[in-house]
Structure formats: C-alpha cells, structure tokens
Amino acid sequence: MSSIIGLLALAIGLVSIICWIKVLIVIFNKAGVGLGILGIICPIFTFIWGWVKNAEYGLKKIMLIWTIATGASFVLNVVAGATMAASPEFQKAMNEAMQKASQKQ
C-alpha cells in the first residue's frame, strides 16, 4: 500500500517539477537571466514570482496546478511515511538496528 502511495506522490511531484520549469521559462523570457538563475537556485522564489505575476503573464492555470500538486505530494509523502513506519517489517528492522547499536556501546 505504501509503495502505491509513494509512486503516486512521485508522479505528482513530477507534475510540480514540470510546472516549475514552465514558470522558469517565463521568468527567463520576461524577467531576464538574473531572476531566472535565482529561480533555479531558489524554487520558492519561482513559486512566489509565478503567483505575483500570474495575471500579467497568464500563469494562473499553471500556478493552480503547481499549488495543488505540491500540496497533494506533501500529503501523500506524509501518509506513505506513516504507513511505512507502521508496517511490521519496518518495526522489526528498527528493533534490530537498535539492538545492534546498543551492543556496540
């Protein structure tokens, strides 16, 4: 179950990356190379710039998709992590690792 959730989160994460790249292209074309490089280094800048300039450059649809994809990916990753942590295999592996660590001390 957690692997399916993880794969879904990965797919949604890829949608986020595609939206980021599309907004980066607009930044490079409309705002210049300096802000484009900043958008590569700091993706949150790209996200904020996209929302600030969405009406001016017609980015509303991309920004809505990016926002929903980012939120959904975050939620799915949390659910996948919680599902994995609750699995018996994970619990067993954690117990074994803790026993080995305590033996080394």
PDB file of N, CA and C in Angstrom:
ATOM      1  N   MET A   1       0.819  -1.201   0.000  1.00  0.00           N
ATOM      2  CA  MET A   1       0.000   0.000   0.000  1.00  0.00           C
ATOM      3  C   MET A   1       0.861   1.263   0.000  1.00  0.00           C
ATOM      4  N   SER A   2       1.887   1.289   0.854  1.00  0.00           N
ATOM      5  CA  SER A   2       2.722   2.493   0.924  1.00  0.00           C
ATOM      6  C   SER A   2       3.508   2.704  -0.369  1.00  0.00           C
ATOM      7  N   SER A   3       3.830   1.603  -1.079  1.00  0.00           N
ATOM      8  CA  SER A   3       4.562   1.780  -2.332  1.00  0.00           C
ATOM      9  C   SER A   3       3.674   2.417  -3.397  1.00  0.00           C
ATOM     10  N   ILE A   4       2.388   2.097  -3.393  1.00  0.00           N
ATOM     11  CA  ILE A   4       1.460   2.716  -4.339  1.00  0.00           C
ATOM     12  C   ILE A   4       1.315   4.205  -4.019  1.00  0.00           C
ATOM     13  N   ILE A   5       1.191   4.519  -2.740  1.00  0.00           N
ATOM     14  CA  ILE A   5       1.089   5.914  -2.328  1.00  0.00           C
ATOM     15  C   ILE A   5       2.369   6.654  -2.685  1.00  0.00           C
ATOM     16  N   GLY A   6       3.506   6.011  -2.460  1.00  0.00           N
ATOM     17  CA  GLY A   6       4.792   6.616  -2.794  1.00  0.00           C
ATOM     18  C   GLY A   6       4.936   6.882  -4.282  1.00  0.00           C
ATOM     19  N   LEU A   7       4.490   5.942  -5.104  1.00  0.00           N
ATOM     20  CA  LEU A   7       4.558   6.136  -6.555  1.00  0.00           C
ATOM     21  C   LEU A   7       3.628   7.258  -7.008  1.00  0.00           C
ATOM     22  N   LEU A   8       2.452   7.324  -6.395  1.00  0.00           N
ATOM     23  CA  LEU A   8       1.528   8.398  -6.720  1.00  0.00           C
ATOM     24  C   LEU A   8       2.124   9.750  -6.314  1.00  0.00           C
ATOM     25  N   ALA A   9       2.746   9.798  -5.149  1.00  0.00           N
ATOM     26  CA  ALA A   9       3.404  11.028  -4.698  1.00  0.00           C
ATOM     27  C   ALA A   9       4.535  11.414  -5.650  1.00  0.00           C
ATOM     28  N   LEU A  10       5.275  10.427  -6.135  1.00  0.00           N
ATOM     29  CA  LEU A  10       6.342  10.690  -7.093  1.00  0.00           C
ATOM     30  C   LEU A  10       5.795  11.273  -8.391  1.00  0.00           C
ATOM     31  N   ALA A  11       4.714  10.693  -8.892  1.00  0.00           N
ATOM     32  CA  ALA A  11       4.104  11.188 -10.131  1.00  0.00           C
ATOM     33  C   ALA A  11       3.621  12.631  -9.952  1.00  0.00           C
ATOM     34  N   ILE A  12       2.997  12.905  -8.821  1.00  0.00           N
ATOM     35  CA  ILE A  12       2.519  14.260  -8.563  1.00  0.00           C
ATOM     36  C   ILE A  12       3.705  15.212  -8.383  1.00  0.00           C
ATOM     37  N   GLY A  13       4.775  14.724  -7.779  1.00  0.00           N
ATOM     38  CA  GLY A  13       5.990  15.526  -7.656  1.00  0.00           C
ATOM     39  C   GLY A  13       6.566  15.893  -9.014  1.00  0.00           C
ATOM     40  N   LEU A  14       6.481  14.972  -9.961  1.00  0.00           N
ATOM     41  CA  LEU A  14       6.950  15.270 -11.319  1.00  0.00           C
ATOM     42  C   LEU A  14       6.102  16.360 -11.968  1.00  0.00           C
ATOM     43  N   VAL A  15       4.801  16.357 -11.681  1.00  0.00           N
ATOM     44  CA  VAL A  15       3.936  17.433 -12.181  1.00  0.00           C
ATOM     45  C   VAL A  15       4.417  18.767 -11.620  1.00  0.00           C
ATOM     46  N   SER A  16       4.788  18.783 -10.347  1.00  0.00           N
ATOM     47  CA  SER A  16       5.305  20.009  -9.731  1.00  0.00           C
ATOM     48  C   SER A  16       6.568  20.488 -10.432  1.00  0.00           C
ATOM     49  N   ILE A  17       7.451  19.563 -10.749  1.00  0.00           N
ATOM     50  CA  ILE A  17       8.700  19.922 -11.430  1.00  0.00           C
ATOM     51  C   ILE A  17       8.416  20.494 -12.813  1.00  0.00           C
ATOM     52  N   ILE A  18       7.468  19.907 -13.520  1.00  0.00           N
ATOM     53  CA  ILE A  18       7.117  20.402 -14.852  1.00  0.00           C
ATOM     54  C   ILE A  18       6.561  21.825 -14.758  1.00  0.00           C
ATOM     55  N   CYS A  19       5.705  22.065 -13.767  1.00  0.00           N
ATOM     56  CA  CYS A  19       5.169  23.428 -13.575  1.00  0.00           C
ATOM     57  C   CYS A  19       6.285  24.404 -13.235  1.00  0.00           C
ATOM     58  N   TRP A  20       7.223  23.990 -12.390  1.00  0.00           N
ATOM     59  CA  TRP A  20       8.366  24.836 -12.027  1.00  0.00           C
ATOM     60  C   TRP A  20       9.157  25.224 -13.277  1.00  0.00           C
ATOM     61  N   ILE A  21       9.407  24.245 -14.129  1.00  0.00           N
ATOM     62  CA  ILE A  21      10.164  24.502 -15.361  1.00  0.00           C
ATOM     63  C   ILE A  21       9.404  25.465 -16.277  1.00  0.00           C
ATOM     64  N   LYS A  22       8.088  25.275 -16.381  1.00  0.00           N
ATOM     65  CA  LYS A  22       7.300  26.178 -17.234  1.00  0.00           C
ATOM     66  C   LYS A  22       7.359  27.618 -16.722  1.00  0.00           C
ATOM     67  N   VAL A  23       7.264  27.790 -15.413  1.00  0.00           N
ATOM     68  CA  VAL A  23       7.345  29.144 -14.856  1.00  0.00           C
ATOM     69  C   VAL A  23       8.762  29.695 -15.027  1.00  0.00           C
ATOM     70  N   LEU A  24       9.769  28.845 -14.865  1.00  0.00           N
ATOM     71  CA  LEU A  24      11.153  29.284 -15.093  1.00  0.00           C
ATOM     72  C   LEU A  24      11.348  29.809 -16.513  1.00  0.00           C
ATOM     73  N   ILE A  25      10.758  29.143 -17.473  1.00  0.00           N
ATOM     74  CA  ILE A  25      10.881  29.582 -18.862  1.00  0.00           C
ATOM     75  C   ILE A  25      10.290  30.990 -19.018  1.00  0.00           C
ATOM     76  N   VAL A  26       9.143  31.216 -18.373  1.00  0.00           N
ATOM     77  CA  VAL A  26       8.531  32.546 -18.434  1.00  0.00           C
ATOM     78  C   VAL A  26       9.429  33.581 -17.751  1.00  0.00           C
ATOM     79  N   ILE A  27      10.007  33.205 -16.615  1.00  0.00           N
ATOM     80  CA  ILE A  27      10.907  34.132 -15.915  1.00  0.00           C
ATOM     81  C   ILE A  27      12.088  34.512 -16.810  1.00  0.00           C
ATOM     82  N   PHE A  28      12.713  33.520 -17.419  1.00  0.00           N
ATOM     83  CA  PHE A  28      13.853  33.812 -18.300  1.00  0.00           C
ATOM     84  C   PHE A  28      13.435  34.720 -19.459  1.00  0.00           C
ATOM     85  N   ASN A  29      12.263  34.454 -20.039  1.00  0.00           N
ATOM     86  CA  ASN A  29      11.804  35.247 -21.192  1.00  0.00           C
ATOM     87  C   ASN A  29      11.340  36.640 -20.820  1.00  0.00           C
ATOM     88  N   LYS A  30      10.684  36.793 -19.691  1.00  0.00           N
ATOM     89  CA  LYS A  30      10.058  38.071 -19.337  1.00  0.00           C
ATOM     90  C   LYS A  30      10.844  38.896 -18.323  1.00  0.00           C
ATOM     91  N   ALA A  31      11.559  38.245 -17.407  1.00  0.00           N
ATOM     92  CA  ALA A  31      12.227  38.969 -16.323  1.00  0.00           C
ATOM     93  C   ALA A  31      13.744  38.966 -16.439  1.00  0.00           C
ATOM     94  N   GLY A  32      14.274  38.154 -17.305  1.00  0.00           N
ATOM     95  CA  GLY A  32      15.716  38.170 -17.513  1.00  0.00           C
ATOM     96  C   GLY A  32      16.449  36.991 -16.906  1.00  0.00           C
ATOM     97  N   VAL A  33      17.715  36.907 -17.281  1.00  0.00           N
ATOM     98  CA  VAL A  33      18.564  35.786 -16.876  1.00  0.00           C
ATOM     99  C   VAL A  33      18.838  35.795 -15.375  1.00  0.00           C
ATOM    100  N   GLY A  34      19.034  36.966 -14.795  1.00  0.00           N
ATOM    101  CA  GLY A  34      19.350  37.042 -13.365  1.00  0.00           C
ATOM    102  C   GLY A  34      18.265  36.435 -12.503  1.00  0.00           C
ATOM    103  N   LEU A  35      17.013  36.829 -12.760  1.00  0.00           N
ATOM    104  CA  LEU A  35      15.914  36.255 -11.980  1.00  0.00           C
ATOM    105  C   LEU A  35      15.685  34.791 -12.341  1.00  0.00           C
ATOM    106  N   GLY A  36      15.965  34.428 -13.585  1.00  0.00           N
ATOM    107  CA  GLY A  36      15.847  33.022 -13.985  1.00  0.00           C
ATOM    108  C   GLY A  36      16.815  32.139 -13.215  1.00  0.00           C
ATOM    109  N   ILE A  37      18.053  32.608 -13.070  1.00  0.00           N
ATOM    110  CA  ILE A  37      19.052  31.849 -12.306  1.00  0.00           C
ATOM    111  C   ILE A  37      18.643  31.782 -10.838  1.00  0.00           C
ATOM    112  N   LEU A  38      18.121  32.884 -10.314  1.00  0.00           N
ATOM    113  CA  LEU A  38      17.628  32.875  -8.940  1.00  0.00           C
ATOM    114  C   LEU A  38      16.496  31.855  -8.788  1.00  0.00           C
ATOM    115  N   GLY A  39      15.644  31.755  -9.806  1.00  0.00           N
ATOM    116  CA  GLY A  39      14.553  30.778  -9.795  1.00  0.00           C
ATOM    117  C   GLY A  39      15.044  29.344  -9.816  1.00  0.00           C
ATOM    118  N   ILE A  40      16.193  29.113 -10.433  1.00  0.00           N
ATOM    119  CA  ILE A  40      16.783  27.767 -10.429  1.00  0.00           C
ATOM    120  C   ILE A  40      17.367  27.459  -9.056  1.00  0.00           C
ATOM    121  N   ILE A  41      18.074  28.424  -8.506  1.00  0.00           N
ATOM    122  CA  ILE A  41      18.722  28.234  -7.199  1.00  0.00           C
ATOM    123  C   ILE A  41      17.692  28.142  -6.074  1.00  0.00           C
ATOM    124  N   CYS A  42      16.639  28.919  -6.165  1.00  0.00           N
ATOM    125  CA  CYS A  42      15.641  29.020  -5.092  1.00  0.00           C
ATOM    126  C   CYS A  42      14.237  28.821  -5.680  1.00  0.00           C
ATOM    127  N   PRO A  43      13.767  27.585  -5.772  1.00  0.00           N
ATOM    128  CA  PRO A  43      12.457  27.330  -6.380  1.00  0.00           C
ATOM    129  C   PRO A  43      11.295  28.045  -5.699  1.00  0.00           C
ATOM    130  N   ILE A  44      11.410  28.345  -4.407  1.00  0.00           N
ATOM    131  CA  ILE A  44      10.321  29.065  -3.741  1.00  0.00           C
ATOM    132  C   ILE A  44      10.174  30.461  -4.340  1.00  0.00           C
ATOM    133  N   PHE A  45      11.285  31.058  -4.794  1.00  0.00           N
ATOM    134  CA  PHE A  45      11.204  32.345  -5.491  1.00  0.00           C
ATOM    135  C   PHE A  45      10.373  32.188  -6.755  1.00  0.00           C
ATOM    136  N   THR A  46      10.600  31.124  -7.507  1.00  0.00           N
ATOM    137  CA  THR A  46       9.854  30.880  -8.742  1.00  0.00           C
ATOM    138  C   THR A  46       8.370  30.744  -8.438  1.00  0.00           C
ATOM    139  N   PHE A  47       8.057  30.022  -7.368  1.00  0.00           N
ATOM    140  CA  PHE A  47       6.662  29.821  -6.973  1.00  0.00           C
ATOM    141  C   PHE A  47       5.997  31.155  -6.627  1.00  0.00           C
ATOM    142  N   ILE A  48       6.659  31.945  -5.808  1.00  0.00           N
ATOM    143  CA  ILE A  48       6.101  33.238  -5.397  1.00  0.00           C
ATOM    144  C   ILE A  48       5.996  34.178  -6.598  1.00  0.00           C
ATOM    145  N   TRP A  49       7.033  34.233  -7.422  1.00  0.00           N
ATOM    146  CA  TRP A  49       7.018  35.088  -8.602  1.00  0.00           C
ATOM    147  C   TRP A  49       5.869  34.686  -9.528  1.00  0.00           C
ATOM    148  N   GLY A  50       5.655  33.390  -9.684  1.00  0.00           N
ATOM    149  CA  GLY A  50       4.561  32.914 -10.532  1.00  0.00           C
ATOM    150  C   GLY A  50       3.203  33.378 -10.040  1.00  0.00           C
ATOM    151  N   TRP A  51       2.997  33.342  -8.723  1.00  0.00           N
ATOM    152  CA  TRP A  51       1.717  33.817  -8.190  1.00  0.00           C
ATOM    153  C   TRP A  51       1.595  35.335  -8.297  1.00  0.00           C
ATOM    154  N   VAL A  52       2.682  36.053  -8.059  1.00  0.00           N
ATOM    155  CA  VAL A  52       2.634  37.514  -8.143  1.00  0.00           C
ATOM    156  C   VAL A  52       2.353  37.953  -9.587  1.00  0.00           C
ATOM    157  N   LYS A  53       2.947  37.281 -10.540  1.00  0.00           N
ATOM    158  CA  LYS A  53       2.832  37.673 -11.945  1.00  0.00           C
ATOM    159  C   LYS A  53       1.808  36.850 -12.730  1.00  0.00           C
ATOM    160  N   ASN A  54       0.976  36.051 -12.050  1.00  0.00           N
ATOM    161  CA  ASN A  54       0.092  35.133 -12.772  1.00  0.00           C
ATOM    162  C   ASN A  54      -0.868  35.838 -13.719  1.00  0.00           C
ATOM    163  N   ALA A  55      -1.444  36.958 -13.318  1.00  0.00           N
ATOM    164  CA  ALA A  55      -2.384  37.669 -14.192  1.00  0.00           C
ATOM    165  C   ALA A  55      -1.660  38.331 -15.360  1.00  0.00           C
ATOM    166  N   GLU A  56      -0.486  38.867 -15.067  1.00  0.00           N
ATOM    167  CA  GLU A  56       0.272  39.594 -16.084  1.00  0.00           C
ATOM    168  C   GLU A  56       0.746  38.691 -17.220  1.00  0.00           C
ATOM    169  N   TYR A  57       1.141  37.458 -16.881  1.00  0.00           N
ATOM    170  CA  TYR A  57       1.700  36.557 -17.890  1.00  0.00           C
ATOM    171  C   TYR A  57       0.852  35.318 -18.152  1.00  0.00           C
ATOM    172  N   GLY A  58      -0.369  35.285 -17.653  1.00  0.00           N
ATOM    173  CA  GLY A  58      -1.270  34.163 -17.924  1.00  0.00           C
ATOM    174  C   GLY A  58      -0.822  32.860 -17.281  1.00  0.00           C
ATOM    175  N   LEU A  59      -0.372  32.934 -16.044  1.00  0.00           N
ATOM    176  CA  LEU A  59       0.162  31.757 -15.361  1.00  0.00           C
ATOM    177  C   LEU A  59      -0.807  31.137 -14.348  1.00  0.00           C
ATOM    178  N   LYS A  60      -2.039  31.624 -14.308  1.00  0.00           N
ATOM    179  CA  LYS A  60      -2.951  31.184 -13.256  1.00  0.00           C
ATOM    180  C   LYS A  60      -3.177  29.666 -13.291  1.00  0.00           C
ATOM    181  N   LYS A  61      -3.414  29.096 -14.449  1.00  0.00           N
ATOM    182  CA  LYS A  61      -3.674  27.656 -14.559  1.00  0.00           C
ATOM    183  C   LYS A  61      -2.458  26.847 -14.099  1.00  0.00           C
ATOM    184  N   ILE A  62      -1.278  27.233 -14.566  1.00  0.00           N
ATOM    185  CA  ILE A  62      -0.061  26.524 -14.168  1.00  0.00           C
ATOM    186  C   ILE A  62       0.159  26.647 -12.665  1.00  0.00           C
ATOM    187  N   MET A  63      -0.065  27.835 -12.128  1.00  0.00           N
ATOM    188  CA  MET A  63       0.158  28.046 -10.698  1.00  0.00           C
ATOM    189  C   MET A  63      -0.845  27.265  -9.850  1.00  0.00           C
ATOM    190  N   LEU A  64      -2.091  27.185 -10.299  1.00  0.00           N
ATOM    191  CA  LEU A  64      -3.074  26.375  -9.571  1.00  0.00           C
ATOM    192  C   LEU A  64      -2.680  24.899  -9.580  1.00  0.00           C
ATOM    193  N   ILE A  65      -2.272  24.414 -10.744  1.00  0.00           N
ATOM    194  CA  ILE A  65      -1.840  23.017 -10.843  1.00  0.00           C
ATOM    195  C   ILE A  65      -0.626  22.788  -9.954  1.00  0.00           C
ATOM    196  N   TRP A  66       0.337  23.700  -9.995  1.00  0.00           N
ATOM    197  CA  TRP A  66       1.548  23.565  -9.194  1.00  0.00           C
ATOM    198  C   TRP A  66       1.226  23.564  -7.706  1.00  0.00           C
ATOM    199  N   THR A  67       0.350  24.462  -7.279  1.00  0.00           N
ATOM    200  CA  THR A  67      -0.021  24.549  -5.870  1.00  0.00           C
ATOM    201  C   THR A  67      -0.719  23.269  -5.400  1.00  0.00           C
ATOM    202  N   ILE A  68      -1.677  22.810  -6.183  1.00  0.00           N
ATOM    203  CA  ILE A  68      -2.401  21.580  -5.819  1.00  0.00           C
ATOM    204  C   ILE A  68      -1.457  20.380  -5.824  1.00  0.00           C
ATOM    205  N   ALA A  69      -0.599  20.293  -6.828  1.00  0.00           N
ATOM    206  CA  ALA A  69       0.342  19.173  -6.918  1.00  0.00           C
ATOM    207  C   ALA A  69       1.314  19.167  -5.748  1.00  0.00           C
ATOM    208  N   THR A  70       1.802  20.343  -5.368  1.00  0.00           N
ATOM    209  CA  THR A  70       2.736  20.425  -4.245  1.00  0.00           C
ATOM    210  C   THR A  70       2.065  19.996  -2.946  1.00  0.00           C
ATOM    211  N   GLY A  71       0.860  20.480  -2.715  1.00  0.00           N
ATOM    212  CA  GLY A  71       0.130  20.099  -1.507  1.00  0.00           C
ATOM    213  C   GLY A  71      -0.200  18.622  -1.484  1.00  0.00           C
ATOM    214  N   ALA A  72      -0.665  18.097  -2.610  1.00  0.00           N
ATOM    215  CA  ALA A  72      -1.006  16.670  -2.684  1.00  0.00           C
ATOM    216  C   ALA A  72       0.228  15.798  -2.504  1.00  0.00           C
ATOM    217  N   SER A  73       1.342  16.189  -3.092  1.00  0.00           N
ATOM    218  CA  SER A  73       2.576  15.423  -2.947  1.00  0.00           C
ATOM    219  C   SER A  73       3.029  15.394  -1.494  1.00  0.00           C
ATOM    220  N   PHE A  74       2.940  16.536  -0.821  1.00  0.00           N
ATOM    221  CA  PHE A  74       3.312  16.600   0.591  1.00  0.00           C
ATOM    222  C   PHE A  74       2.437  15.664   1.422  1.00  0.00           C
ATOM    223  N   VAL A  75       1.126  15.741   1.231  1.00  0.00           N
ATOM    224  CA  VAL A  75       0.203  14.896   1.999  1.00  0.00           C
ATOM    225  C   VAL A  75       0.468  13.423   1.721  1.00  0.00           C
ATOM    226  N   LEU A  76       0.635  13.064   0.463  1.00  0.00           N
ATOM    227  CA  LEU A  76       0.876  11.661   0.117  1.00  0.00           C
ATOM    228  C   LEU A  76       2.202  11.160   0.680  1.00  0.00           C
ATOM    229  N   ASN A  77       3.224  11.994   0.695  1.00  0.00           N
ATOM    230  CA  ASN A  77       4.504  11.577   1.281  1.00  0.00           C
ATOM    231  C   ASN A  77       4.387  11.359   2.779  1.00  0.00           C
ATOM    232  N   VAL A  78       3.624  12.190   3.465  1.00  0.00           N
ATOM    233  CA  VAL A  78       3.402  12.006   4.899  1.00  0.00           C
ATOM    234  C   VAL A  78       2.647  10.699   5.146  1.00  0.00           C
ATOM    235  N   VAL A  79       1.604  10.461   4.353  1.00  0.00           N
ATOM    236  CA  VAL A  79       0.820   9.231   4.504  1.00  0.00           C
ATOM    237  C   VAL A  79       1.688   8.002   4.208  1.00  0.00           C
ATOM    238  N   ALA A  80       2.498   8.074   3.149  1.00  0.00           N
ATOM    239  CA  ALA A  80       3.377   6.947   2.808  1.00  0.00           C
ATOM    240  C   ALA A  80       4.378   6.678   3.923  1.00  0.00           C
ATOM    241  N   GLY A  81       4.935   7.746   4.494  1.00  0.00           N
ATOM    242  CA  GLY A  81       5.881   7.575   5.601  1.00  0.00           C
ATOM    243  C   GLY A  81       5.223   6.968   6.822  1.00  0.00           C
ATOM    244  N   ALA A  82       4.032   7.432   7.142  1.00  0.00           N
ATOM    245  CA  ALA A  82       3.313   6.893   8.299  1.00  0.00           C
ATOM    246  C   ALA A  82       2.931   5.438   8.071  1.00  0.00           C
ATOM    247  N   THR A  83       2.518   5.115   6.868  1.00  0.00           N
ATOM    248  CA  THR A  83       2.157   3.737   6.539  1.00  0.00           C
ATOM    249  C   THR A  83       3.375   2.826   6.646  1.00  0.00           C
ATOM    250  N   MET A  84       4.504   3.302   6.151  1.00  0.00           N
ATOM    251  CA  MET A  84       5.724   2.503   6.221  1.00  0.00           C
ATOM    252  C   MET A  84       6.162   2.315   7.668  1.00  0.00           C
ATOM    253  N   ALA A  85       6.106   3.376   8.460  1.00  0.00           N
ATOM    254  CA  ALA A  85       6.542   3.287   9.854  1.00  0.00           C
ATOM    255  C   ALA A  85       5.670   2.352  10.668  1.00  0.00           C
ATOM    256  N   ALA A  86       4.427   2.194  10.270  1.00  0.00           N
ATOM    257  CA  ALA A  86       3.512   1.316  10.998  1.00  0.00           C
ATOM    258  C   ALA A  86       3.622  -0.138  10.560  1.00  0.00           C
ATOM    259  N   SER A  87       4.364  -0.411   9.486  1.00  0.00           N
ATOM    260  CA  SER A  87       4.437  -1.784   8.978  1.00  0.00           C
ATOM    261  C   SER A  87       5.291  -2.663   9.895  1.00  0.00           C
ATOM    262  N   PRO A  88       4.927  -3.933  10.016  1.00  0.00           N
ATOM    263  CA  PRO A  88       5.687  -4.854  10.875  1.00  0.00           C
ATOM    264  C   PRO A  88       7.148  -5.019  10.436  1.00  0.00           C
ATOM    265  N   GLU A  89       7.386  -4.990   9.132  1.00  0.00           N
ATOM    266  CA  GLU A  89       8.754  -5.146   8.636  1.00  0.00           C
ATOM    267  C   GLU A  89       9.628  -3.987   9.094  1.00  0.00           C
ATOM    268  N   PHE A  90       9.098  -2.789   9.030  1.00  0.00           N
ATOM    269  CA  PHE A  90       9.841  -1.617   9.458  1.00  0.00           C
ATOM    270  C   PHE A  90      10.114  -1.666  10.951  1.00  0.00           C
ATOM    271  N   GLN A  91       9.110  -2.040  11.719  1.00  0.00           N
ATOM    272  CA  GLN A  91       9.268  -2.134  13.169  1.00  0.00           C
ATOM    273  C   GLN A  91      10.352  -3.153  13.524  1.00  0.00           C
ATOM    274  N   LYS A  92      10.347  -4.278  12.832  1.00  0.00           N
ATOM    275  CA  LYS A  92      11.353  -5.316  13.077  1.00  0.00           C
ATOM    276  C   LYS A  92      12.755  -4.800  12.733  1.00  0.00           C
ATOM    277  N   ALA A  93      12.883  -4.131  11.599  1.00  0.00           N
ATOM    278  CA  ALA A  93      14.179  -3.592  11.192  1.00  0.00           C
ATOM    279  C   ALA A  93      14.669  -2.543  12.187  1.00  0.00           C
ATOM    280  N   MET A  94      13.778  -1.716  12.684  1.00  0.00           N
ATOM    281  CA  MET A  94      14.164  -0.698  13.676  1.00  0.00           C
ATOM    282  C   MET A  94      14.625  -1.347  14.978  1.00  0.00           C
ATOM    283  N   ASN A  95      13.915  -2.383  15.415  1.00  0.00           N
ATOM    284  CA  ASN A  95      14.308  -3.083  16.635  1.00  0.00           C
ATOM    285  C   ASN A  95      15.685  -3.720  16.486  1.00  0.00           C
ATOM    286  N   GLU A  96      15.935  -4.351  15.340  1.00  0.00           N
ATOM    287  CA  GLU A  96      17.236  -4.967  15.093  1.00  0.00           C
ATOM    288  C   GLU A  96      18.346  -3.914  15.074  1.00  0.00           C
ATOM    289  N   ALA A  97      18.090  -2.778  14.438  1.00  0.00           N
ATOM    290  CA  ALA A  97      19.092  -1.712  14.374  1.00  0.00           C
ATOM    291  C   ALA A  97      19.380  -1.158  15.765  1.00  0.00           C
ATOM    292  N   MET A  98      18.364  -1.022  16.586  1.00  0.00           N
ATOM    293  CA  MET A  98      18.565  -0.511  17.944  1.00  0.00           C
ATOM    294  C   MET A  98      19.331  -1.513  18.802  1.00  0.00           C
ATOM    295  N   GLN A  99      19.064  -2.801  18.599  1.00  0.00           N
ATOM    296  CA  GLN A  99      19.803  -3.821  19.341  1.00  0.00           C
ATOM    297  C   GLN A  99      21.274  -3.806  18.946  1.00  0.00           C
ATOM    298  N   LYS A 100      21.566  -3.699  17.665  1.00  0.00           N
ATOM    299  CA  LYS A 100      22.944  -3.644  17.201  1.00  0.00           C
ATOM    300  C   LYS A 100      23.654  -2.407  17.739  1.00  0.00           C
ATOM    301  N   ALA A 101      22.948  -1.291  17.750  1.00  0.00           N
ATOM    302  CA  ALA A 101      23.541  -0.050  18.258  1.00  0.00           C
ATOM    303  C   ALA A 101      23.842  -0.154  19.751  1.00  0.00           C
ATOM    304  N   SER A 102      22.961  -0.778  20.498  1.00  0.00           N
ATOM    305  CA  SER A 102      23.180  -0.899  21.949  1.00  0.00           C
ATOM    306  C   SER A 102      24.291  -1.905  22.239  1.00  0.00           C
ATOM    307  N   GLN A 103      24.482  -2.900  21.391  1.00  0.00           N
ATOM    308  CA  GLN A 103      25.562  -3.873  21.559  1.00  0.00           C
ATOM    309  C   GLN A 103      26.935  -3.232  21.318  1.00  0.00           C
ATOM    310  N   LYS A 104      27.004  -2.267  20.424  1.00  0.00           N
ATOM    311  CA  LYS A 104      28.264  -1.603  20.112  1.00  0.00           C
ATOM    312  C   LYS A 104      28.703  -0.686  21.250  1.00  0.00           C
ATOM    313  N   GLN A 105      27.774  -0.238  22.068  1.00  0.00           N
ATOM    314  CA  GLN A 105      28.114   0.659  23.163  1.00  0.00           C
ATOM    315  C   GLN A 105      28.565  -0.176  24.285  1.00  0.00           C
TER     316      GLN A 105
END
